[in-house]
Amino acid sequence: MVAELFAELEEKLESVLHQLEALKRANAELREVIAQKEQALQEAGATLEKITREREMVRERIDKILNRLKILDLGETV
């Protein structure tokens, strides 16, 4: 009777240990996925920042061109 209880306890312990190892592996995999996603997010943020700077530069150039055209237009109407 006592031997059966110990055997059952050992089986349950082995099961718990296997589950623990499986959870540790899954946790490690999830940490890797998170690290990859964080890297991708940083890259996307850098790309967005670059695009925003480029867009601002284009906007400034267009404003300068429009201002020059206004000056030309004013010169012709005077």
PDB file of N, CA and C in Angstrom:
ATOM      1  N   MET A   1       0.820  -1.190   0.000  1.00  0.00           N
ATOM      2  CA  MET A   1       0.000   0.000   0.000  1.00  0.00           C
ATOM      3  C   MET A   1       0.865   1.256   0.000  1.00  0.00           C
ATOM      4  N   VAL A   2       1.849   1.325   0.908  1.00  0.00           N
ATOM      5  CA  VAL A   2       2.724   2.493   0.990  1.00  0.00           C
ATOM      6  C   VAL A   2       3.577   2.582  -0.275  1.00  0.00           C
ATOM      7  N   ALA A   3       3.998   1.433  -0.769  1.00  0.00           N
ATOM      8  CA  ALA A   3       4.812   1.409  -1.986  1.00  0.00           C
ATOM      9  C   ALA A   3       4.019   1.948  -3.166  1.00  0.00           C
ATOM     10  N   GLU A   4       2.735   1.612  -3.238  1.00  0.00           N
ATOM     11  CA  GLU A   4       1.874   2.113  -4.312  1.00  0.00           C
ATOM     12  C   GLU A   4       1.721   3.631  -4.222  1.00  0.00           C
ATOM     13  N   LEU A   5       1.580   4.135  -3.009  1.00  0.00           N
ATOM     14  CA  LEU A   5       1.451   5.580  -2.822  1.00  0.00           C
ATOM     15  C   LEU A   5       2.732   6.295  -3.262  1.00  0.00           C
ATOM     16  N   PHE A   6       3.878   5.733  -2.909  1.00  0.00           N
ATOM     17  CA  PHE A   6       5.139   6.331  -3.342  1.00  0.00           C
ATOM     18  C   PHE A   6       5.274   6.277  -4.861  1.00  0.00           C
ATOM     19  N   ALA A   7       4.881   5.176  -5.460  1.00  0.00           N
ATOM     20  CA  ALA A   7       4.948   5.041  -6.913  1.00  0.00           C
ATOM     21  C   ALA A   7       4.057   6.090  -7.584  1.00  0.00           C
ATOM     22  N   GLU A   8       2.841   6.255  -7.058  1.00  0.00           N
ATOM     23  CA  GLU A   8       1.912   7.254  -7.602  1.00  0.00           C
ATOM     24  C   GLU A   8       2.480   8.663  -7.424  1.00  0.00           C
ATOM     25  N   LEU A   9       3.056   8.920  -6.265  1.00  0.00           N
ATOM     26  CA  LEU A   9       3.665  10.216  -5.995  1.00  0.00           C
ATOM     27  C   LEU A   9       4.829  10.485  -6.954  1.00  0.00           C
ATOM     28  N   GLU A  10       5.654   9.466  -7.185  1.00  0.00           N
ATOM     29  CA  GLU A  10       6.773   9.617  -8.117  1.00  0.00           C
ATOM     30  C   GLU A  10       6.285   9.895  -9.537  1.00  0.00           C
ATOM     31  N   GLU A  11       5.220   9.218  -9.956  1.00  0.00           N
ATOM     32  CA  GLU A  11       4.647   9.446 -11.285  1.00  0.00           C
ATOM     33  C   GLU A  11       4.143  10.884 -11.417  1.00  0.00           C
ATOM     34  N   LYS A  12       3.436  11.344 -10.401  1.00  0.00           N
ATOM     35  CA  LYS A  12       2.922  12.713 -10.431  1.00  0.00           C
ATOM     36  C   LYS A  12       4.061  13.720 -10.437  1.00  0.00           C
ATOM     37  N   LEU A  13       5.095  13.431  -9.663  1.00  0.00           N
ATOM     38  CA  LEU A  13       6.251  14.316  -9.626  1.00  0.00           C
ATOM     39  C   LEU A  13       6.927  14.363 -11.001  1.00  0.00           C
ATOM     40  N   GLU A  14       7.094  13.212 -11.622  1.00  0.00           N
ATOM     41  CA  GLU A  14       7.688  13.162 -12.965  1.00  0.00           C
ATOM     42  C   GLU A  14       6.827  13.961 -13.950  1.00  0.00           C
ATOM     43  N   SER A  15       5.528  13.817 -13.855  1.00  0.00           N
ATOM     44  CA  SER A  15       4.621  14.545 -14.737  1.00  0.00           C
ATOM     45  C   SER A  15       4.768  16.061 -14.543  1.00  0.00           C
ATOM     46  N   VAL A  16       4.825  16.469 -13.299  1.00  0.00           N
ATOM     47  CA  VAL A  16       4.977  17.892 -12.996  1.00  0.00           C
ATOM     48  C   VAL A  16       6.326  18.405 -13.511  1.00  0.00           C
ATOM     49  N   LEU A  17       7.369  17.612 -13.326  1.00  0.00           N
ATOM     50  CA  LEU A  17       8.692  18.024 -13.803  1.00  0.00           C
ATOM     51  C   LEU A  17       8.727  18.139 -15.329  1.00  0.00           C
ATOM     52  N   HIS A  18       8.068  17.217 -16.027  1.00  0.00           N
ATOM     53  CA  HIS A  18       8.000  17.291 -17.491  1.00  0.00           C
ATOM     54  C   HIS A  18       7.220  18.542 -17.924  1.00  0.00           C
ATOM     55  N   GLN A  19       6.140  18.795 -17.232  1.00  0.00           N
ATOM     56  CA  GLN A  19       5.358  19.999 -17.549  1.00  0.00           C
ATOM     57  C   GLN A  19       6.179  21.255 -17.298  1.00  0.00           C
ATOM     58  N   LEU A  20       6.924  21.261 -16.209  1.00  0.00           N
ATOM     59  CA  LEU A  20       7.770  22.406 -15.881  1.00  0.00           C
ATOM     60  C   LEU A  20       8.801  22.641 -16.978  1.00  0.00           C
ATOM     61  N   GLU A  21       9.446  21.584 -17.437  1.00  0.00           N
ATOM     62  CA  GLU A  21      10.440  21.715 -18.510  1.00  0.00           C
ATOM     63  C   GLU A  21       9.782  22.212 -19.790  1.00  0.00           C
ATOM     64  N   ALA A  22       8.604  21.695 -20.102  1.00  0.00           N
ATOM     65  CA  ALA A  22       7.892  22.144 -21.305  1.00  0.00           C
ATOM     66  C   ALA A  22       7.538  23.623 -21.190  1.00  0.00           C
ATOM     67  N   LEU A  23       7.115  24.046 -20.021  1.00  0.00           N
ATOM     68  CA  LEU A  23       6.788  25.456 -19.810  1.00  0.00           C
ATOM     69  C   LEU A  23       8.029  26.338 -19.893  1.00  0.00           C
ATOM     70  N   LYS A  24       9.144  25.844 -19.390  1.00  0.00           N
ATOM     71  CA  LYS A  24      10.395  26.605 -19.488  1.00  0.00           C
ATOM     72  C   LYS A  24      10.794  26.791 -20.948  1.00  0.00           C
ATOM     73  N   ARG A  25      10.665  25.720 -21.750  1.00  0.00           N
ATOM     74  CA  ARG A  25      10.993  25.817 -23.176  1.00  0.00           C
ATOM     75  C   ARG A  25      10.047  26.791 -23.876  1.00  0.00           C
ATOM     76  N   ALA A  26       8.768  26.678 -23.576  1.00  0.00           N
ATOM     77  CA  ALA A  26       7.791  27.583 -24.189  1.00  0.00           C
ATOM     78  C   ALA A  26       8.070  29.028 -23.786  1.00  0.00           C
ATOM     79  N   ASN A  27       8.426  29.230 -22.531  1.00  0.00           N
ATOM     80  CA  ASN A  27       8.747  30.566 -22.045  1.00  0.00           C
ATOM     81  C   ASN A  27       9.961  31.126 -22.784  1.00  0.00           C
ATOM     82  N   ALA A  28      10.972  30.315 -22.978  1.00  0.00           N
ATOM     83  CA  ALA A  28      12.178  30.746 -23.693  1.00  0.00           C
ATOM     84  C   ALA A  28      11.835  31.107 -25.142  1.00  0.00           C
ATOM     85  N   GLU A  29      10.988  30.304 -25.766  1.00  0.00           N
ATOM     86  CA  GLU A  29      10.570  30.591 -27.143  1.00  0.00           C
ATOM     87  C   GLU A  29       9.795  31.900 -27.207  1.00  0.00           C
ATOM     88  N   LEU A  30       8.914  32.116 -26.251  1.00  0.00           N
ATOM     89  CA  LEU A  30       8.143  33.357 -26.223  1.00  0.00           C
ATOM     90  C   LEU A  30       9.042  34.568 -25.984  1.00  0.00           C
ATOM     91  N   ARG A  31      10.035  34.406 -25.144  1.00  0.00           N
ATOM     92  CA  ARG A  31      10.984  35.507 -24.915  1.00  0.00           C
ATOM     93  C   ARG A  31      11.733  35.845 -26.205  1.00  0.00           C
ATOM     94  N   GLU A  32      12.077  34.825 -26.962  1.00  0.00           N
ATOM     95  CA  GLU A  32      12.758  35.047 -28.238  1.00  0.00           C
ATOM     96  C   GLU A  32      11.833  35.776 -29.216  1.00  0.00           C
ATOM     97  N   VAL A  33      10.588  35.366 -29.270  1.00  0.00           N
ATOM     98  CA  VAL A  33       9.617  36.035 -30.146  1.00  0.00           C
ATOM     99  C   VAL A  33       9.457  37.492 -29.733  1.00  0.00           C
ATOM    100  N   ILE A  34       9.364  37.739 -28.438  1.00  0.00           N
ATOM    101  CA  ILE A  34       9.237  39.111 -27.940  1.00  0.00           C
ATOM    102  C   ILE A  34      10.460  39.935 -28.343  1.00  0.00           C
ATOM    103  N   ALA A  35      11.641  39.359 -28.202  1.00  0.00           N
ATOM    104  CA  ALA A  35      12.867  40.070 -28.573  1.00  0.00           C
ATOM    105  C   ALA A  35      12.858  40.410 -30.065  1.00  0.00           C
ATOM    106  N   GLN A  36      12.413  39.472 -30.881  1.00  0.00           N
ATOM    107  CA  GLN A  36      12.333  39.721 -32.324  1.00  0.00           C
ATOM    108  C   GLN A  36      11.321  40.819 -32.633  1.00  0.00           C
ATOM    109  N   LYS A  37      10.184  40.777 -31.968  1.00  0.00           N
ATOM    110  CA  LYS A  37       9.149  41.795 -32.185  1.00  0.00           C
ATOM    111  C   LYS A  37       9.639  43.170 -31.728  1.00  0.00           C
ATOM    112  N   GLU A  38      10.359  43.215 -30.613  1.00  0.00           N
ATOM    113  CA  GLU A  38      10.897  44.490 -30.139  1.00  0.00           C
ATOM    114  C   GLU A  38      11.905  45.043 -31.137  1.00  0.00           C
ATOM    115  N   GLN A  39      12.736  44.179 -31.697  1.00  0.00           N
ATOM    116  CA  GLN A  39      13.701  44.608 -32.711  1.00  0.00           C
ATOM    117  C   GLN A  39      12.973  45.144 -33.938  1.00  0.00           C
ATOM    118  N   ALA A  40      11.954  44.430 -34.382  1.00  0.00           N
ATOM    119  CA  ALA A  40      11.183  44.882 -35.543  1.00  0.00           C
ATOM    120  C   ALA A  40      10.503  46.211 -35.252  1.00  0.00           C
ATOM    121  N   LEU A  41      10.001  46.369 -34.034  1.00  0.00           N
ATOM    122  CA  LEU A  41       9.355  47.617 -33.646  1.00  0.00           C
ATOM    123  C   LEU A  41      10.353  48.769 -33.659  1.00  0.00           C
ATOM    124  N   GLN A  42      11.554  48.535 -33.163  1.00  0.00           N
ATOM    125  CA  GLN A  42      12.584  49.576 -33.188  1.00  0.00           C
ATOM    126  C   GLN A  42      12.942  49.951 -34.622  1.00  0.00           C
ATOM    127  N   GLU A  43      13.063  48.955 -35.475  1.00  0.00           N
ATOM    128  CA  GLU A  43      13.377  49.218 -36.882  1.00  0.00           C
ATOM    129  C   GLU A  43      12.249  50.000 -37.547  1.00  0.00           C
ATOM    130  N   ALA A  44      11.013  49.627 -37.250  1.00  0.00           N
ATOM    131  CA  ALA A  44       9.875  50.347 -37.816  1.00  0.00           C
ATOM    132  C   ALA A  44       9.837  51.785 -37.310  1.00  0.00           C
ATOM    133  N   GLY A  45      10.148  51.978 -36.048  1.00  0.00           N
ATOM    134  CA  GLY A  45      10.196  53.328 -35.481  1.00  0.00           C
ATOM    135  C   GLY A  45      11.264  54.170 -36.156  1.00  0.00           C
ATOM    136  N   ALA A  46      12.423  53.579 -36.396  1.00  0.00           N
ATOM    137  CA  ALA A  46      13.509  54.293 -37.075  1.00  0.00           C
ATOM    138  C   ALA A  46      13.106  54.641 -38.504  1.00  0.00           C
ATOM    139  N   THR A  47      12.447  53.711 -39.168  1.00  0.00           N
ATOM    140  CA  THR A  47      11.983  53.966 -40.535  1.00  0.00           C
ATOM    141  C   THR A  47      10.947  55.084 -40.544  1.00  0.00           C
ATOM    142  N   LEU A  48      10.034  55.051 -39.605  1.00  0.00           N
ATOM    143  CA  LEU A  48       9.015  56.090 -39.519  1.00  0.00           C
ATOM    144  C   LEU A  48       9.650  57.450 -39.263  1.00  0.00           C
ATOM    145  N   GLU A  49      10.633  57.480 -38.392  1.00  0.00           N
ATOM    146  CA  GLU A  49      11.322  58.733 -38.098  1.00  0.00           C
ATOM    147  C   GLU A  49      12.016  59.268 -39.353  1.00  0.00           C
ATOM    148  N   LYS A  50      12.652  58.383 -40.093  1.00  0.00           N
ATOM    149  CA  LYS A  50      13.328  58.780 -41.334  1.00  0.00           C
ATOM    150  C   LYS A  50      12.320  59.324 -42.344  1.00  0.00           C
ATOM    151  N   ILE A  51      11.216  58.640 -42.502  1.00  0.00           N
ATOM    152  CA  ILE A  51      10.186  59.082 -43.444  1.00  0.00           C
ATOM    153  C   ILE A  51       9.614  60.428 -43.018  1.00  0.00           C
ATOM    154  N   THR A  52       9.414  60.607 -41.732  1.00  0.00           N
ATOM    155  CA  THR A  52       8.889  61.875 -41.221  1.00  0.00           C
ATOM    156  C   THR A  52       9.862  63.012 -41.519  1.00  0.00           C
ATOM    157  N   ARG A  53      11.153  62.784 -41.303  1.00  0.00           N
ATOM    158  CA  ARG A  53      12.162  63.812 -41.611  1.00  0.00           C
ATOM    159  C   ARG A  53      12.178  64.128 -43.102  1.00  0.00           C
ATOM    160  N   GLU A  54      12.123  63.092 -43.920  1.00  0.00           N
ATOM    161  CA  GLU A  54      12.122  63.302 -45.372  1.00  0.00           C
ATOM    162  C   GLU A  54      10.881  64.078 -45.808  1.00  0.00           C
ATOM    163  N   ARG A  55       9.743  63.742 -45.238  1.00  0.00           N
ATOM    164  CA  ARG A  55       8.502  64.439 -45.583  1.00  0.00           C
ATOM    165  C   ARG A  55       8.584  65.912 -45.192  1.00  0.00           C
ATOM    166  N   GLU A  56       9.165  66.180 -44.039  1.00  0.00           N
ATOM    167  CA  GLU A  56       9.320  67.562 -43.597  1.00  0.00           C
ATOM    168  C   GLU A  56      10.260  68.325 -44.530  1.00  0.00           C
ATOM    169  N   MET A  57      11.317  67.676 -44.972  1.00  0.00           N
ATOM    170  CA  MET A  57      12.230  68.315 -45.911  1.00  0.00           C
ATOM    171  C   MET A  57      11.527  68.627 -47.229  1.00  0.00           C
ATOM    172  N   VAL A  58      10.723  67.696 -47.713  1.00  0.00           N
ATOM    173  CA  VAL A  58       9.970  67.916 -48.945  1.00  0.00           C
ATOM    174  C   VAL A  58       8.991  69.064 -48.750  1.00  0.00           C
ATOM    175  N   ARG A  59       8.315  69.086 -47.623  1.00  0.00           N
ATOM    176  CA  ARG A  59       7.357  70.163 -47.335  1.00  0.00           C
ATOM    177  C   ARG A  59       8.064  71.524 -47.337  1.00  0.00           C
ATOM    178  N   GLU A  60       9.233  71.586 -46.715  1.00  0.00           N
ATOM    179  CA  GLU A  60       9.986  72.835 -46.689  1.00  0.00           C
ATOM    180  C   GLU A  60      10.398  73.272 -48.091  1.00  0.00           C
ATOM    181  N   ARG A  61      10.839  72.332 -48.896  1.00  0.00           N
ATOM    182  CA  ARG A  61      11.235  72.669 -50.270  1.00  0.00           C
ATOM    183  C   ARG A  61      10.044  73.149 -51.080  1.00  0.00           C
ATOM    184  N   ILE A  62       8.902  72.503 -50.908  1.00  0.00           N
ATOM    185  CA  ILE A  62       7.695  72.931 -51.625  1.00  0.00           C
ATOM    186  C   ILE A  62       7.291  74.323 -51.175  1.00  0.00           C
ATOM    187  N   ASP A  63       7.356  74.583 -49.871  1.00  0.00           N
ATOM    188  CA  ASP A  63       7.030  75.923 -49.369  1.00  0.00           C
ATOM    189  C   ASP A  63       7.954  76.973 -49.976  1.00  0.00           C
ATOM    190  N   LYS A  64       9.232  76.667 -50.056  1.00  0.00           N
ATOM    191  CA  LYS A  64      10.179  77.611 -50.656  1.00  0.00           C
ATOM    192  C   LYS A  64       9.832  77.866 -52.122  1.00  0.00           C
ATOM    193  N   ILE A  65       9.528  76.795 -52.840  1.00  0.00           N
ATOM    194  CA  ILE A  65       9.172  76.937 -54.257  1.00  0.00           C
ATOM    195  C   ILE A  65       7.903  77.771 -54.396  1.00  0.00           C
ATOM    196  N   LEU A  66       6.904  77.485 -53.571  1.00  0.00           N
ATOM    197  CA  LEU A  66       5.655  78.250 -53.633  1.00  0.00           C
ATOM    198  C   LEU A  66       5.893  79.720 -53.316  1.00  0.00           C
ATOM    199  N   ASN A  67       6.727  79.997 -52.330  1.00  0.00           N
ATOM    200  CA  ASN A  67       7.046  81.385 -51.991  1.00  0.00           C
ATOM    201  C   ASN A  67       7.748  82.079 -53.153  1.00  0.00           C
ATOM    202  N   ARG A  68       8.655  81.384 -53.805  1.00  0.00           N
ATOM    203  CA  ARG A  68       9.330  81.975 -54.972  1.00  0.00           C
ATOM    204  C   ARG A  68       8.341  82.239 -56.091  1.00  0.00           C
ATOM    205  N   LEU A  69       7.388  81.330 -56.279  1.00  0.00           N
ATOM    206  CA  LEU A  69       6.370  81.533 -57.309  1.00  0.00           C
ATOM    207  C   LEU A  69       5.479  82.724 -56.960  1.00  0.00           C
ATOM    208  N   LYS A  70       5.164  82.891 -55.687  1.00  0.00           N
ATOM    209  CA  LYS A  70       4.362  84.045 -55.269  1.00  0.00           C
ATOM    210  C   LYS A  70       5.093  85.341 -55.580  1.00  0.00           C
ATOM    211  N   ILE A  71       6.403  85.343 -55.294  1.00  0.00           N
ATOM    212  CA  ILE A  71       7.197  86.536 -55.569  1.00  0.00           C
ATOM    213  C   ILE A  71       7.185  86.834 -57.069  1.00  0.00           C
ATOM    214  N   LEU A  72       7.345  85.794 -57.887  1.00  0.00           N
ATOM    215  CA  LEU A  72       7.298  85.987 -59.335  1.00  0.00           C
ATOM    216  C   LEU A  72       5.934  86.499 -59.771  1.00  0.00           C
ATOM    217  N   ASP A  73       4.886  85.927 -59.183  1.00  0.00           N
ATOM    218  CA  ASP A  73       3.525  86.333 -59.523  1.00  0.00           C
ATOM    219  C   ASP A  73       3.288  87.773 -59.126  1.00  0.00           C
ATOM    220  N   LEU A  74       3.762  88.149 -57.953  1.00  0.00           N
ATOM    221  CA  LEU A  74       3.615  89.554 -57.527  1.00  0.00           C
ATOM    222  C   LEU A  74       4.379  90.483 -58.441  1.00  0.00           C
ATOM    223  N   GLY A  75       5.535  90.059 -58.881  1.00  0.00           N
ATOM    224  CA  GLY A  75       6.330  90.885 -59.790  1.00  0.00           C
ATOM    225  C   GLY A  75       5.635  91.108 -61.116  1.00  0.00           C
ATOM    226  N   GLU A  76       4.915  90.145 -61.614  1.00  0.00           N
ATOM    227  CA  GLU A  76       4.217  90.273 -62.891  1.00  0.00           C
ATOM    228  C   GLU A  76       2.960  91.109 -62.768  1.00  0.00           C
ATOM    229  N   THR A  77       2.305  91.086 -61.609  1.00  0.00           N
ATOM    230  CA  THR A  77       1.040  91.834 -61.456  1.00  0.00           C
ATOM    231  C   THR A  77       1.271  93.291 -61.139  1.00  0.00           C
ATOM    232  N   VAL A  78       2.460  93.653 -60.777  1.00  0.00           N
ATOM    233  CA  VAL A  78       2.728  95.056 -60.412  1.00  0.00           C
ATOM    234  C   VAL A  78       2.951  95.898 -61.610  1.00  0.00           C
TER     235      VAL A  78
END
